[in-house]
Protein backbone atom coordinates (compact mmCIF):
# COMPACT_ATOMS: atom_id res chain seq x y z
CA MET A 1 0.00 0.00 0.00
CA GLU A 2 2.76 2.40 0.98
CA ASN A 3 4.81 1.44 -2.08
CA SER A 4 1.89 2.02 -4.45
CA PHE A 5 1.23 5.41 -2.86
CA LEU A 6 4.93 6.31 -3.13
CA ASN A 7 5.00 5.24 -6.77
CA PHE A 8 1.88 7.33 -7.39
CA VAL A 9 3.53 10.40 -5.85
CA ILE A 10 6.80 9.89 -7.74
CA GLU A 11 5.02 9.28 -11.04
CA HIS A 12 2.97 12.47 -10.76
CA LEU A 13 5.95 14.45 -9.49
CA PHE A 14 7.90 13.51 -12.61
CA GLN A 15 4.87 14.29 -14.71
CA PHE A 16 4.67 17.73 -13.11
CA LEU A 17 8.39 18.31 -13.61
CA SER A 18 8.06 17.42 -17.30
CA TYR A 19 5.74 20.38 -17.72
CA THR A 20 8.08 22.92 -16.08
CA ALA A 21 10.26 25.25 -18.11
CA PHE A 22 13.36 23.66 -16.57
CA ALA A 23 12.58 20.34 -18.26
CA ASN A 24 11.93 21.94 -21.66
CA MET A 25 14.61 24.62 -21.62
CA THR A 26 17.28 24.56 -24.33
CA PHE A 27 20.50 26.51 -24.68
CA GLY A 28 18.79 28.63 -27.33
CA HIS A 29 16.08 29.68 -24.89
CA LEU A 30 18.74 30.82 -22.42
CA ILE A 31 20.51 32.84 -25.11
CA MET A 32 17.30 34.65 -26.09
CA ILE A 33 16.41 35.37 -22.45
CA LEU A 34 19.85 36.93 -22.01
CA VAL A 35 19.30 39.03 -25.15
CA GLY A 36 15.98 40.15 -23.68
CA LEU A 37 17.73 41.19 -20.48
CA VAL A 38 20.26 43.19 -22.53
CA PHE A 39 17.39 44.99 -24.28
CA ILE A 40 15.82 45.83 -20.93
CA TYR A 41 19.19 47.07 -19.64
CA LEU A 42 19.67 49.32 -22.68
CA ALA A 43 16.13 50.68 -22.24
CA VAL A 44 16.38 51.36 -18.49
CA ALA A 45 20.05 52.17 -17.90
CA LYS A 46 20.97 53.79 -21.23
CA GLU A 47 17.49 55.04 -22.22
CA PHE A 48 17.90 53.70 -25.77
CA GLU A 49 14.36 53.82 -27.22
CA PRO A 50 12.78 52.59 -23.95
CA MET A 51 9.26 52.70 -25.43
CA LEU A 52 10.37 50.02 -27.88
CA LEU A 53 13.20 48.07 -26.27
CA LEU A 54 11.50 47.55 -22.90
CA PRO A 55 8.39 45.80 -24.33
CA ILE A 56 10.50 43.86 -26.85
CA GLY A 57 13.01 42.78 -24.20
CA PHE A 58 10.29 41.61 -21.84
CA GLY A 59 8.55 39.92 -24.75
CA MET A 60 11.73 37.98 -25.46
CA ILE A 61 11.66 36.63 -21.92
CA VAL A 62 7.96 35.74 -22.23
CA GLY A 63 8.52 34.04 -25.58
CA ASN A 64 11.42 31.96 -24.33
CA ILE A 65 9.92 30.49 -21.19
CA ALA A 66 10.05 26.91 -22.45
CA PHE A 67 6.93 24.74 -22.24
CA ALA A 68 5.70 21.33 -23.24
CA PRO A 69 3.94 21.23 -26.64
CA GLY A 70 0.15 21.24 -26.69
CA LEU A 71 -0.49 23.62 -23.79
CA LYS A 72 -1.71 26.35 -26.18
CA ILE A 73 0.29 29.11 -24.55
CA GLY A 74 3.00 29.74 -27.16
CA ILE A 75 2.82 32.59 -29.62
CA TYR A 76 2.86 30.19 -32.56
CA GLU A 77 0.18 27.85 -31.17
CA ASP A 78 -3.30 28.33 -32.60
CA GLY A 79 -5.81 29.32 -29.96
CA SER A 80 -3.34 30.76 -27.46
CA VAL A 81 -3.76 34.27 -26.09
CA LEU A 82 -0.34 35.34 -27.39
CA ASN A 83 -1.25 33.99 -30.84
CA TYR A 84 -4.39 36.13 -30.88
CA LEU A 85 -2.38 39.21 -29.86
CA TYR A 86 0.23 38.36 -32.50
CA PHE A 87 -2.49 38.43 -35.17
CA GLY A 88 -2.11 42.21 -35.42
CA VAL A 89 1.58 41.76 -36.27
CA ALA A 90 1.20 38.73 -38.56
CA GLN A 91 -1.59 40.36 -40.58
CA GLY A 92 -0.08 43.85 -40.65
CA VAL A 93 -2.85 45.45 -38.54
CA TYR A 94 -0.68 47.22 -35.96
CA PRO A 95 1.70 49.17 -38.27
CA PRO A 96 -1.00 51.36 -39.89
CA LEU A 97 -2.29 52.25 -36.41
CA ILE A 98 1.26 53.26 -35.44
CA PHE A 99 1.40 55.43 -38.57
CA LEU A 100 -1.91 57.03 -37.60
CA GLY A 101 -0.33 58.07 -34.30
CA ILE A 102 2.87 59.26 -35.99
CA GLY A 103 0.82 61.44 -38.34
CA ALA A 104 -1.16 62.90 -35.44
CA MET A 105 2.00 63.89 -33.54
CA THR A 106 4.16 65.05 -36.47
CA ASP A 107 4.65 68.64 -37.57
CA PHE A 108 5.44 68.73 -41.30
CA SER A 109 6.09 72.49 -41.27
CA SER A 110 9.87 72.16 -41.73
CA LEU A 111 9.36 69.99 -44.78
CA ILE A 112 6.68 72.27 -46.22
CA SER A 113 8.89 75.34 -45.75
CA ASN A 114 11.86 73.67 -47.47
CA PRO A 115 10.61 71.03 -49.96
CA LYS A 116 14.21 70.22 -51.00
CA LEU A 117 14.50 68.21 -47.80
CA ILE A 118 12.25 65.51 -49.24
CA LEU A 119 15.12 64.64 -51.58
CA ILE A 120 17.22 63.70 -48.53
CA GLY A 121 14.51 61.29 -47.40
CA ALA A 122 14.49 59.79 -50.90
CA ALA A 123 18.28 59.47 -51.07
CA ALA A 124 18.45 57.61 -47.76
CA GLN A 125 16.22 54.88 -49.19
CA VAL A 126 19.12 53.73 -51.40
CA GLY A 127 20.20 51.59 -48.45
CA ILE A 128 16.99 49.58 -48.77
CA PHE A 129 17.61 48.66 -52.39
CA ALA A 130 21.34 48.01 -51.83
CA ALA A 131 20.53 45.51 -49.08
CA TYR A 132 17.86 43.98 -51.34
CA ALA A 133 20.45 43.37 -54.07
CA ILE A 134 22.97 41.83 -51.65
CA ALA A 135 20.32 39.62 -50.02
CA LEU A 136 19.44 38.30 -53.47
CA ALA A 137 23.12 37.58 -54.15
CA LEU A 138 23.35 35.66 -50.86
CA GLY A 139 20.55 33.32 -51.87
CA PHE A 140 17.47 34.82 -50.24
CA SER A 141 14.33 34.76 -52.36
CA SER A 142 13.23 38.04 -53.96
CA ALA A 143 10.38 38.41 -51.44
CA GLU A 144 12.68 37.71 -48.48
CA ALA A 145 15.31 40.12 -49.85
CA GLY A 146 12.71 42.88 -50.16
CA ALA A 147 11.53 42.37 -46.59
CA ILE A 148 15.12 42.38 -45.31
CA GLY A 149 16.09 45.49 -47.28
CA ILE A 150 13.39 47.63 -45.65
CA ILE A 151 15.36 47.45 -42.37
CA GLY A 152 17.55 50.19 -43.88
CA GLY A 153 14.68 52.63 -43.50
CA ALA A 154 15.04 52.30 -39.70
CA ASP A 155 11.27 52.04 -39.45
CA GLY A 156 9.97 49.17 -37.32
CA PRO A 157 6.27 49.42 -38.27
CA THR A 158 7.09 49.53 -42.00
CA ALA A 159 9.44 46.55 -41.61
CA ILE A 160 6.69 44.59 -39.84
CA PHE A 161 4.08 45.55 -42.43
CA LEU A 162 6.23 44.55 -45.40
CA SER A 163 7.60 41.34 -43.89
CA SER A 164 4.07 40.24 -42.92
CA LYS A 165 3.23 40.37 -46.65
CA LEU A 166 6.46 39.12 -48.19
CA ALA A 167 8.25 36.90 -45.66
CA PRO A 168 6.08 36.02 -42.62
CA ASP A 169 8.49 33.34 -41.44
CA LEU A 170 11.29 35.93 -41.14
CA MET A 171 9.17 38.62 -39.53
CA GLY A 172 10.50 38.14 -35.99
CA ALA A 173 14.14 38.54 -37.03
CA ILE A 174 13.36 41.46 -39.35
CA ALA A 175 11.26 43.31 -36.76
CA VAL A 176 13.78 42.86 -33.94
CA SER A 177 16.61 43.90 -36.26
CA ALA A 178 14.74 47.05 -37.40
CA TYR A 179 13.86 48.11 -33.86
CA SER A 180 17.38 47.35 -32.62
CA TYR A 181 18.97 49.63 -35.20
CA MET A 182 16.37 52.32 -34.47
CA ALA A 183 17.44 52.21 -30.84
CA LEU A 184 21.13 52.34 -31.78
CA VAL A 185 20.81 55.43 -33.98
CA PRO A 186 22.80 57.58 -31.47
CA VAL A 187 25.61 54.99 -31.54
CA ILE A 188 25.78 54.06 -35.25
CA GLN A 189 25.19 57.35 -37.06
CA PRO A 190 27.59 59.93 -35.49
CA PRO A 191 30.85 58.19 -36.60
CA ILE A 192 29.55 57.99 -40.18
CA MET A 193 28.52 61.66 -40.13
CA ARG A 194 31.94 62.77 -38.85
CA LEU A 195 33.77 60.57 -41.35
CA LEU A 196 31.94 62.02 -44.36
CA THR A 197 32.06 65.74 -43.45
CA ASN A 198 34.77 68.33 -42.86
CA SER A 199 34.89 71.07 -40.24
CA LYS A 200 33.59 73.74 -42.63
CA GLU A 201 30.57 71.65 -43.67
CA ARG A 202 29.67 70.81 -40.08
CA THR A 203 29.33 74.48 -39.18
CA ILE A 204 27.08 75.52 -42.10
CA LYS A 205 24.22 77.58 -40.71
CA MET A 206 20.86 77.23 -42.40
CA LYS A 207 18.18 79.90 -42.63
CA PRO A 208 15.37 79.47 -40.08
CA PRO A 209 12.33 77.73 -41.59
CA ARG A 210 9.70 80.20 -42.80
CA GLU A 211 6.34 80.44 -41.07
CA VAL A 212 3.90 77.93 -42.56
CA SER A 213 0.22 78.90 -42.69
CA LYS A 214 -2.61 76.77 -41.38
CA THR A 215 -3.96 76.44 -44.92
CA GLU A 216 -0.65 74.93 -46.09
CA ARG A 217 -0.58 72.51 -43.16
CA VAL A 218 -4.16 71.34 -43.88
CA ILE A 219 -3.61 70.97 -47.61
CA PHE A 220 -0.30 69.10 -47.23
CA PRO A 221 -1.70 65.71 -46.07
CA ILE A 222 -4.34 65.80 -48.82
CA ILE A 223 -1.76 66.54 -51.51
CA GLY A 224 0.61 64.06 -49.84
CA ILE A 225 -1.75 61.10 -50.08
CA LEU A 226 -2.71 61.94 -53.66
CA LEU A 227 0.87 62.29 -54.88
CA THR A 228 2.18 59.19 -53.12
CA CYS A 229 -0.71 56.75 -53.30
CA LEU A 230 -1.74 57.52 -56.89
CA ILE A 231 1.81 56.46 -57.83
CA VAL A 232 2.23 53.64 -55.27
CA PRO A 233 -1.25 52.40 -54.27
CA SER A 234 0.25 49.48 -52.35
CA GLY A 235 1.56 51.95 -49.78
CA LEU A 236 -1.97 53.08 -48.96
CA PRO A 237 -2.36 51.29 -45.57
CA LEU A 238 0.69 53.12 -44.17
CA LEU A 239 0.64 56.40 -46.07
CA GLY A 240 -3.14 56.74 -45.84
CA MET A 241 -3.08 56.44 -42.06
CA LEU A 242 -0.02 58.71 -41.76
CA PHE A 243 -1.63 61.55 -43.69
CA PHE A 244 -5.04 60.98 -42.09
CA GLY A 245 -3.51 61.29 -38.62
CA ASN A 246 -1.76 64.49 -39.69
CA LEU A 247 -5.00 65.93 -41.06
CA LEU A 248 -6.71 65.19 -37.73
CA LYS A 249 -3.97 67.22 -36.04
CA GLU A 250 -3.71 70.13 -38.45
CA SER A 251 -7.43 70.66 -39.10
CA MET A 252 -7.80 71.88 -35.47
CA VAL A 253 -11.44 70.70 -35.47
CA THR A 254 -10.84 67.09 -34.41
CA LYS A 255 -8.65 67.59 -31.36
CA ARG A 256 -10.19 64.66 -29.47
CA LEU A 257 -9.55 62.30 -32.37
CA ALA A 258 -6.00 63.58 -32.80
CA ASP A 259 -5.36 63.22 -29.06
CA ALA A 260 -6.70 59.65 -29.15
CA ALA A 261 -4.55 58.75 -32.18
CA ARG A 262 -1.30 60.11 -30.70
CA GLY A 263 -2.12 59.02 -27.14
CA PRO A 264 -4.13 55.96 -26.06
CA ILE A 265 -4.23 54.30 -29.49
CA VAL A 266 -0.55 54.54 -30.34
CA ASP A 267 0.46 53.70 -26.74
CA THR A 268 -1.71 50.57 -26.68
CA VAL A 269 -0.49 49.39 -30.07
CA THR A 270 3.15 50.09 -29.11
CA ILE A 271 2.77 47.82 -26.07
CA LEU A 272 1.14 45.05 -28.12
CA ILE A 273 3.55 45.26 -31.03
CA GLY A 274 6.62 45.38 -28.78
CA LEU A 275 5.56 42.52 -26.54
CA THR A 276 4.45 40.20 -29.35
CA VAL A 277 7.44 40.96 -31.60
CA GLY A 278 9.68 40.15 -28.64
CA ALA A 279 7.75 36.95 -27.91
CA SER A 280 8.07 35.91 -31.56
CA THR A 281 11.80 35.38 -30.98
CA GLN A 282 11.03 31.93 -29.57
CA ALA A 283 14.37 30.13 -29.81
CA THR A 284 12.97 27.06 -31.57
CA THR A 285 11.93 29.18 -34.58
CA PHE A 286 14.11 32.29 -34.26
CA LEU A 287 17.69 31.09 -33.79
CA THR A 288 18.63 30.13 -37.33
CA PRO A 289 21.49 31.05 -39.68
CA LYS A 290 18.98 33.16 -41.65
CA SER A 291 18.27 35.28 -38.58
CA LEU A 292 21.96 36.05 -38.10
CA GLY A 293 22.24 36.92 -41.79
CA ILE A 294 19.27 39.28 -41.45
CA PHE A 295 20.94 41.15 -38.59
CA ALA A 296 24.12 41.58 -40.64
CA LEU A 297 22.24 42.73 -43.75
CA GLY A 298 20.10 45.06 -41.65
CA ALA A 299 23.20 46.74 -40.23
CA PHE A 300 24.64 47.11 -43.74
CA SER A 301 21.38 48.57 -45.03
CA PHE A 302 21.19 51.10 -42.19
CA VAL A 303 24.82 52.20 -42.63
CA ILE A 304 24.36 52.64 -46.40
CA ALA A 305 21.15 54.64 -45.83
CA THR A 306 22.98 57.02 -43.48
CA PHE A 307 25.94 57.23 -45.86
CA CYS A 308 23.73 58.07 -48.85
CA GLY A 309 21.78 60.72 -46.94
CA VAL A 310 24.93 62.62 -45.94
CA ILE A 311 26.65 62.23 -49.33
CA PHE A 312 23.53 63.39 -51.17
CA VAL A 313 23.44 66.65 -49.19
CA LYS A 314 27.10 67.27 -50.09
CA PHE A 315 26.22 66.65 -53.74
CA LEU A 316 23.17 68.91 -53.56
CA ASN A 317 25.27 71.72 -52.10
CA LEU A 318 27.29 71.83 -55.33
CA PHE A 319 24.25 73.38 -56.98
CA LEU A 320 23.14 75.69 -54.16
CA LYS A 321 24.30 79.26 -53.66
CA GLU A 322 26.09 80.44 -50.52
CA GLY A 323 23.50 81.16 -47.84
CA ASN A 324 21.18 78.45 -49.16
CA LYS A 325 23.44 75.46 -48.59
CA ILE A 326 22.28 72.57 -46.42
CA ASN A 327 24.35 71.30 -43.50
CA PRO A 328 25.34 67.70 -44.42
CA LEU A 329 24.91 66.69 -40.78
CA ILE A 330 21.15 66.55 -41.36
CA GLY A 331 21.65 63.94 -44.10
CA ASN A 332 21.55 61.16 -41.51
CA ALA A 333 17.96 62.18 -40.70
CA GLY A 334 16.79 60.90 -44.07
CA VAL A 335 16.12 57.56 -42.41
CA SER A 336 12.78 57.03 -40.74
CA ALA A 337 13.86 56.88 -37.08
CA VAL A 338 11.72 59.81 -35.84
CA PRO A 339 12.82 61.86 -33.93
CA ASP A 340 16.05 60.18 -32.83
CA SER A 341 18.04 60.68 -36.02
CA ALA A 342 17.03 64.37 -36.07
CA ARG A 343 18.25 64.70 -32.48
CA VAL A 344 21.56 63.13 -33.52
CA SER A 345 21.92 65.82 -36.21
CA GLN A 346 21.40 68.50 -33.56
CA VAL A 347 23.78 66.93 -31.02
CA VAL A 348 26.62 66.35 -33.50
CA GLY A 349 26.14 69.83 -35.01
CA GLN A 350 26.41 71.52 -31.62
CA GLU A 351 29.65 69.69 -30.92
CA TYR A 352 31.23 71.98 -33.52
CA ASP A 353 29.12 75.13 -33.08
CA LYS A 354 26.99 75.63 -29.99
CA SER A 355 24.96 78.35 -31.71
CA ASN A 356 24.01 76.15 -34.68
CA HIS A 357 20.47 74.80 -34.37
CA LEU A 358 19.79 72.03 -36.87
CA LEU A 359 16.89 70.25 -35.19
CA MET A 360 14.00 71.80 -37.15
CA HIS A 361 15.79 71.32 -40.47
CA ALA A 362 16.67 67.74 -39.54
CA MET A 363 13.04 67.07 -38.62
CA GLY A 364 12.07 68.05 -42.16
CA ALA A 365 14.44 65.42 -43.56
CA ASN A 366 13.30 62.98 -40.90
CA VAL A 367 9.60 63.13 -41.73
CA ALA A 368 10.58 62.93 -45.42
CA GLY A 369 12.31 59.68 -44.48
CA VAL A 370 9.07 58.36 -42.94
CA ILE A 371 7.25 59.05 -46.20
CA GLY A 372 10.16 57.69 -48.24
CA SER A 373 10.38 54.38 -46.40
CA ALA A 374 6.62 53.85 -46.72
CA VAL A 375 6.83 54.60 -50.46
CA ALA A 376 9.80 52.22 -50.80
CA ALA A 377 7.80 49.52 -48.99
CA GLY A 378 4.91 50.12 -51.40
CA VAL A 379 7.23 49.80 -54.40
CA LEU A 380 8.68 46.52 -53.12
CA LEU A 381 5.21 45.19 -52.34
CA SER A 382 4.01 46.09 -55.84
CA PHE A 383 6.78 44.10 -57.53
CA LEU A 384 7.28 41.27 -55.06
CA GLY A 385 3.91 40.77 -53.37
């Protein structure tokens, strides 16, 4: 009797232990949990994009708590709560809502006052197509290469949107890579900017942006959606929401809607997108040679985008008169990392001249980069989708 009871206890104890994370943990799970902790450290201690890295880092921990198959708790298991939350990422629902919030909090006045800045945003997108070409050469399919290349735009929502359409199985690696490089903008970009400019160029002072009327600000999103989406209709989910959010802000008659778009809506979606993207890095599906290749190609794409933005401004200055020249230090802001790359332009510029204020000019290039990366995603989706 005692032996049978003891056997019963031991049998069920082992059964219980088989369901614990300790029994199902692999070395890969431990690696990803450590990466998650690094992300949290960077967010809390270094304040690198905490709104993004903190949810992603915690999501990595959540996604790599190992479990026995069949419990319906994993992000890739049909019917689990995490799988339902991940639906917004997998089907590209969350990114347009992020763009709605970006539009509602963005002031396009600097771009409207100096339309030349949109060329910087266009030039920075070269990194996307360079990475696309190299990914093709390395053996990725055309759809996978397109999804990987968009990392160069330094735009997490756009990367998620495009990869959900072109390469769903690589979406976790692409999204984490894009957000990682967004967070590392203050680390990656300044050395490139210093390398490509001389002391005279770094101290170029630009004329203050002219005053932009309310009429111009209201008309801009309407003209913006017509010009971009009539040419690239596949960019409509992102560009349509971006310009709609901006119209809510600039019309001044829908303050409650604009406040909701740039406040509760974008905050809620940021939490969901960060947590589920982090959880999608489940070691059993995430740790592959392709993932490592994506991180390397993403870094290359981002560096080339920054390089092209700065070099293009130097080229443009060859055709501009003295007094109208553009400081090349705002060329880095042609990527879509709003507003961090614009802040980098300001910080690096003030290292060489404390009285030089580049932030507003850099913001013009920065918001041009947002539009440019969404257009580039639409172009890739048109040809590869």
